């Protein structure tokens, strides 16, 4: 690439960074004044938020993969004992599709 072009691009970047300054004018008429924080401000969580927090903490302690269940299914497949319930799978897929369509 031509060095002259690179120089021009570099100059444009420098001009853009030096000429665009942001001022912190606190007397702008279109901005409402922020209320000062008080020591008595509180936050109340809903019961749903509390439940989600507990679930999040519980899930964080569980392993990502249930190794015992994986080994159990692997052995069943190897031994030819793993049964697939195609009707249950189809029903679950239909329920999922219907719930997403709402």
N, C-alpha and C. Protein backbone atom coordinates (compact mmCIF):
# COMPACT_ATOMS: atom_id res chain seq x y z
N UNK A 1 0.85 -1.18 0.00
CA UNK A 1 0.00 0.00 0.00
C UNK A 1 0.89 1.24 0.00
N UNK A 2 0.46 2.27 -0.65
CA UNK A 2 1.21 3.51 -0.78
C UNK A 2 1.39 4.18 0.58
N UNK A 3 2.63 4.55 0.92
CA UNK A 3 2.92 5.18 2.21
C UNK A 3 2.23 6.53 2.35
N UNK A 4 2.03 7.24 1.23
CA UNK A 4 1.36 8.53 1.27
C UNK A 4 -0.09 8.39 1.73
N UNK A 5 -0.75 7.32 1.28
CA UNK A 5 -2.14 7.08 1.70
C UNK A 5 -2.19 6.78 3.19
N UNK A 6 -1.24 5.97 3.65
CA UNK A 6 -1.21 5.65 5.09
C UNK A 6 -1.00 6.91 5.92
N UNK A 7 -0.15 7.81 5.44
CA UNK A 7 0.08 9.06 6.16
C UNK A 7 -1.17 9.91 6.23
N UNK A 8 -1.90 9.98 5.13
CA UNK A 8 -3.14 10.76 5.11
C UNK A 8 -4.17 10.18 6.05
N UNK A 9 -4.28 8.84 6.06
CA UNK A 9 -5.23 8.19 6.97
C UNK A 9 -4.84 8.48 8.41
N UNK A 10 -3.54 8.37 8.70
CA UNK A 10 -3.07 8.65 10.06
C UNK A 10 -3.38 10.07 10.48
N UNK A 11 -3.21 11.03 9.57
CA UNK A 11 -3.50 12.42 9.88
C UNK A 11 -4.98 12.62 10.15
N UNK A 12 -5.83 11.97 9.37
CA UNK A 12 -7.28 12.09 9.58
C UNK A 12 -7.68 11.54 10.94
N UNK A 13 -7.06 10.42 11.34
CA UNK A 13 -7.36 9.84 12.65
C UNK A 13 -6.93 10.80 13.75
N UNK A 14 -5.73 11.38 13.60
CA UNK A 14 -5.24 12.33 14.61
C UNK A 14 -6.15 13.54 14.70
N UNK A 15 -6.60 14.08 13.55
CA UNK A 15 -7.50 15.23 13.55
C UNK A 15 -8.82 14.91 14.23
N UNK A 16 -9.33 13.72 13.96
CA UNK A 16 -10.62 13.34 14.54
C UNK A 16 -10.52 13.21 16.05
N UNK A 17 -9.42 12.69 16.52
CA UNK A 17 -9.30 12.50 17.96
C UNK A 17 -9.00 13.80 18.69
N UNK A 18 -8.30 14.74 18.03
CA UNK A 18 -7.96 15.98 18.74
C UNK A 18 -9.06 17.02 18.64
N UNK A 19 -9.88 16.98 17.59
CA UNK A 19 -10.87 18.03 17.42
C UNK A 19 -12.22 17.70 18.05
N UNK A 20 -12.43 16.49 18.44
CA UNK A 20 -13.74 16.14 19.01
C UNK A 20 -13.60 15.98 20.51
N UNK A 21 -13.83 17.03 21.21
CA UNK A 21 -13.76 17.03 22.67
C UNK A 21 -15.17 17.10 23.23
N UNK A 22 -15.37 16.39 24.30
CA UNK A 22 -16.68 16.36 24.95
C UNK A 22 -16.60 17.18 26.22
N UNK A 23 -17.51 18.11 26.35
CA UNK A 23 -17.51 18.91 27.57
C UNK A 23 -18.56 18.38 28.51
N UNK A 24 -18.32 18.56 29.77
CA UNK A 24 -19.28 18.11 30.77
C UNK A 24 -19.99 19.33 31.33
N UNK A 25 -20.87 19.88 30.54
CA UNK A 25 -21.63 21.07 30.94
C UNK A 25 -22.82 20.61 31.77
N UNK A 26 -22.80 20.89 33.04
CA UNK A 26 -23.87 20.44 33.93
C UNK A 26 -25.06 21.37 33.93
N UNK A 27 -24.97 22.47 33.21
CA UNK A 27 -26.07 23.43 33.20
C UNK A 27 -26.90 23.31 31.92
N UNK A 28 -26.82 22.20 31.24
CA UNK A 28 -27.59 22.01 30.01
C UNK A 28 -29.08 22.00 30.34
N UNK A 29 -29.88 22.81 29.62
CA UNK A 29 -31.30 22.92 29.95
C UNK A 29 -32.10 21.67 29.61
N UNK A 30 -31.63 20.84 28.68
CA UNK A 30 -32.42 19.67 28.30
C UNK A 30 -32.18 18.46 29.18
N UNK A 31 -31.25 18.54 30.11
CA UNK A 31 -30.97 17.43 31.02
C UNK A 31 -31.52 17.74 32.40
N UNK A 32 -32.34 16.84 32.95
CA UNK A 32 -32.81 17.07 34.31
C UNK A 32 -31.67 16.84 35.31
N UNK A 33 -31.73 17.54 36.40
CA UNK A 33 -30.71 17.39 37.43
C UNK A 33 -30.91 16.06 38.13
N UNK A 34 -29.82 15.35 38.35
CA UNK A 34 -29.89 14.06 39.03
C UNK A 34 -30.09 14.29 40.52
N UNK A 35 -30.96 13.49 41.10
CA UNK A 35 -31.20 13.59 42.53
C UNK A 35 -30.00 13.02 43.28
N UNK A 36 -29.58 13.67 44.33
CA UNK A 36 -28.44 13.13 45.08
C UNK A 36 -28.82 11.82 45.76
N UNK A 37 -27.87 10.90 45.81
CA UNK A 37 -28.13 9.62 46.46
C UNK A 37 -28.22 9.82 47.96
N UNK A 38 -29.16 9.16 48.55
CA UNK A 38 -29.29 9.28 50.00
C UNK A 38 -28.93 7.97 50.65
N UNK A 39 -28.61 8.02 51.91
CA UNK A 39 -28.19 6.83 52.64
C UNK A 39 -29.36 5.88 52.87
N UNK A 40 -30.60 6.34 52.69
CA UNK A 40 -31.74 5.48 52.95
C UNK A 40 -32.29 4.81 51.70
N UNK A 41 -31.59 4.92 50.56
CA UNK A 41 -32.05 4.25 49.35
C UNK A 41 -31.97 2.74 49.54
N UNK A 42 -33.02 2.04 49.16
CA UNK A 42 -33.04 0.58 49.30
C UNK A 42 -33.52 -0.04 48.01
N UNK A 43 -33.21 -1.30 47.85
CA UNK A 43 -33.66 -2.08 46.72
C UNK A 43 -34.41 -3.28 47.26
N UNK A 44 -35.63 -3.49 46.77
CA UNK A 44 -36.41 -4.65 47.18
C UNK A 44 -36.56 -5.58 46.00
N UNK A 45 -36.16 -6.84 46.20
CA UNK A 45 -36.28 -7.83 45.15
C UNK A 45 -37.63 -8.52 45.25
N UNK A 46 -38.21 -8.82 44.10
CA UNK A 46 -39.47 -9.56 44.10
C UNK A 46 -39.18 -11.01 44.46
N UNK A 47 -40.23 -11.73 44.78
CA UNK A 47 -40.05 -13.14 45.12
C UNK A 47 -39.51 -13.92 43.93
N UNK A 48 -39.88 -13.53 42.72
CA UNK A 48 -39.37 -14.19 41.52
C UNK A 48 -37.87 -13.96 41.39
N UNK A 49 -37.43 -12.74 41.65
CA UNK A 49 -36.00 -12.43 41.57
C UNK A 49 -35.22 -13.20 42.62
N UNK A 50 -35.78 -13.33 43.80
CA UNK A 50 -35.12 -14.09 44.86
C UNK A 50 -35.03 -15.57 44.48
N UNK A 51 -36.10 -16.10 43.88
CA UNK A 51 -36.10 -17.49 43.44
C UNK A 51 -35.05 -17.70 42.35
N UNK A 52 -34.98 -16.79 41.39
CA UNK A 52 -33.98 -16.89 40.34
C UNK A 52 -32.57 -16.84 40.89
N UNK A 53 -32.36 -16.01 41.89
CA UNK A 53 -31.04 -15.92 42.50
C UNK A 53 -30.66 -17.25 43.17
N UNK A 54 -31.62 -17.85 43.90
CA UNK A 54 -31.35 -19.14 44.54
C UNK A 54 -31.10 -20.23 43.51
N UNK A 55 -31.90 -20.24 42.42
CA UNK A 55 -31.70 -21.23 41.37
C UNK A 55 -30.33 -21.06 40.72
N UNK A 56 -29.93 -19.83 40.49
CA UNK A 56 -28.63 -19.56 39.89
C UNK A 56 -27.51 -20.08 40.77
N UNK A 57 -27.61 -19.86 42.07
CA UNK A 57 -26.58 -20.34 43.00
C UNK A 57 -26.56 -21.87 43.04
N UNK A 58 -27.75 -22.49 43.01
CA UNK A 58 -27.83 -23.95 43.02
C UNK A 58 -27.24 -24.53 41.75
N UNK A 59 -27.59 -23.96 40.61
CA UNK A 59 -27.06 -24.46 39.34
C UNK A 59 -25.55 -24.27 39.24
N UNK A 60 -25.05 -23.22 39.86
CA UNK A 60 -23.60 -22.97 39.82
C UNK A 60 -22.83 -24.06 40.55
N UNK A 61 -23.46 -24.71 41.54
CA UNK A 61 -22.77 -25.76 42.30
C UNK A 61 -22.86 -27.13 41.63
N UNK A 62 -23.78 -27.28 40.68
CA UNK A 62 -23.94 -28.57 40.01
C UNK A 62 -22.94 -28.72 38.88
N UNK A 63 -22.53 -29.97 38.62
CA UNK A 63 -21.63 -30.16 37.48
C UNK A 63 -22.37 -29.91 36.17
N UNK A 64 -21.63 -29.50 35.15
CA UNK A 64 -22.24 -29.20 33.86
C UNK A 64 -22.78 -30.48 33.20
N UNK A 65 -22.15 -31.61 33.46
CA UNK A 65 -22.55 -32.88 32.87
C UNK A 65 -22.73 -33.90 33.99
N UNK A 66 -23.85 -34.62 33.94
CA UNK A 66 -24.11 -35.68 34.91
C UNK A 66 -23.40 -36.94 34.41
N UNK A 67 -22.18 -37.12 34.86
CA UNK A 67 -21.34 -38.22 34.38
C UNK A 67 -21.97 -39.58 34.63
N UNK A 68 -22.64 -39.76 35.75
CA UNK A 68 -23.27 -41.04 36.05
C UNK A 68 -24.38 -41.35 35.05
N UNK A 69 -25.17 -40.33 34.70
CA UNK A 69 -26.26 -40.52 33.74
C UNK A 69 -25.71 -40.82 32.34
N UNK A 70 -24.63 -40.14 31.97
CA UNK A 70 -24.00 -40.38 30.67
C UNK A 70 -23.49 -41.82 30.60
N UNK A 71 -22.84 -42.30 31.66
CA UNK A 71 -22.33 -43.67 31.68
C UNK A 71 -23.48 -44.68 31.62
N UNK A 72 -24.57 -44.39 32.32
CA UNK A 72 -25.74 -45.27 32.32
C UNK A 72 -26.33 -45.40 30.90
N UNK A 73 -26.49 -44.28 30.23
CA UNK A 73 -27.05 -44.31 28.87
C UNK A 73 -26.07 -44.97 27.89
N UNK A 74 -24.79 -44.69 28.06
CA UNK A 74 -23.79 -45.29 27.18
C UNK A 74 -23.79 -46.81 27.30
N UNK A 75 -23.89 -47.30 28.53
CA UNK A 75 -23.95 -48.76 28.75
C UNK A 75 -25.22 -49.34 28.15
N UNK A 76 -26.35 -48.65 28.30
CA UNK A 76 -27.61 -49.14 27.74
C UNK A 76 -27.53 -49.21 26.22
N UNK A 77 -26.92 -48.22 25.59
CA UNK A 77 -26.77 -48.22 24.13
C UNK A 77 -25.86 -49.37 23.70
N UNK A 78 -24.75 -49.53 24.39
CA UNK A 78 -23.79 -50.59 24.07
C UNK A 78 -24.43 -51.97 24.19
N UNK A 79 -25.26 -52.15 25.21
CA UNK A 79 -25.90 -53.45 25.45
C UNK A 79 -27.18 -53.63 24.64
N UNK A 80 -27.57 -52.62 23.86
CA UNK A 80 -28.79 -52.72 23.06
C UNK A 80 -30.06 -52.62 23.89
N UNK A 81 -29.95 -52.05 25.07
CA UNK A 81 -31.10 -51.94 25.97
C UNK A 81 -31.75 -50.56 25.98
N UNK A 82 -31.17 -49.62 25.26
CA UNK A 82 -31.70 -48.25 25.27
C UNK A 82 -32.91 -48.18 24.37
N UNK A 83 -34.04 -47.82 24.94
CA UNK A 83 -35.29 -47.74 24.19
C UNK A 83 -35.62 -46.27 23.91
N UNK A 84 -35.96 -45.98 22.68
CA UNK A 84 -36.34 -44.62 22.29
C UNK A 84 -37.85 -44.58 22.15
N UNK A 85 -38.47 -43.67 22.88
CA UNK A 85 -39.93 -43.50 22.82
C UNK A 85 -40.22 -42.38 21.83
N UNK A 86 -40.40 -42.76 20.57
CA UNK A 86 -40.59 -41.77 19.51
C UNK A 86 -41.87 -40.97 19.69
N UNK A 87 -42.91 -41.56 20.27
CA UNK A 87 -44.16 -40.84 20.50
C UNK A 87 -43.95 -39.74 21.54
N UNK A 88 -43.22 -40.04 22.62
CA UNK A 88 -42.95 -39.04 23.65
C UNK A 88 -42.10 -37.91 23.09
N UNK A 89 -41.12 -38.24 22.24
CA UNK A 89 -40.27 -37.22 21.64
C UNK A 89 -41.09 -36.34 20.72
N UNK A 90 -41.94 -36.94 19.89
CA UNK A 90 -42.77 -36.16 18.97
C UNK A 90 -43.73 -35.26 19.75
N UNK A 91 -44.33 -35.78 20.81
CA UNK A 91 -45.24 -34.96 21.63
C UNK A 91 -44.51 -33.77 22.25
N UNK A 92 -43.31 -34.01 22.74
CA UNK A 92 -42.53 -32.92 23.34
C UNK A 92 -42.17 -31.87 22.30
N UNK A 93 -41.84 -32.31 21.09
CA UNK A 93 -41.51 -31.37 20.03
C UNK A 93 -42.73 -30.54 19.63
N UNK A 94 -43.89 -31.17 19.59
CA UNK A 94 -45.12 -30.44 19.25
C UNK A 94 -45.45 -29.42 20.33
N UNK A 95 -45.32 -29.83 21.60
CA UNK A 95 -45.57 -28.89 22.71
C UNK A 95 -44.63 -27.70 22.66
N UNK A 96 -43.36 -27.96 22.37
CA UNK A 96 -42.38 -26.90 22.27
C UNK A 96 -42.73 -25.96 21.13
N UNK A 97 -43.09 -26.52 19.98
CA UNK A 97 -43.44 -25.70 18.83
C UNK A 97 -44.65 -24.84 19.12
N UNK A 98 -45.63 -25.41 19.78
CA UNK A 98 -46.84 -24.64 20.12
C UNK A 98 -46.54 -23.53 21.13
N UNK A 99 -45.67 -23.81 22.08
CA UNK A 99 -45.34 -22.79 23.09
C UNK A 99 -44.54 -21.64 22.47
N UNK A 100 -43.74 -21.93 21.47
CA UNK A 100 -42.97 -20.88 20.80
C UNK A 100 -43.84 -20.06 19.86
N UNK A 101 -44.93 -20.65 19.38
CA UNK A 101 -45.80 -19.94 18.46
C UNK A 101 -46.71 -18.96 19.13
N UNK A 102 -46.84 -19.02 20.43
CA UNK A 102 -47.75 -18.12 21.15
C UNK A 102 -47.21 -16.75 21.32
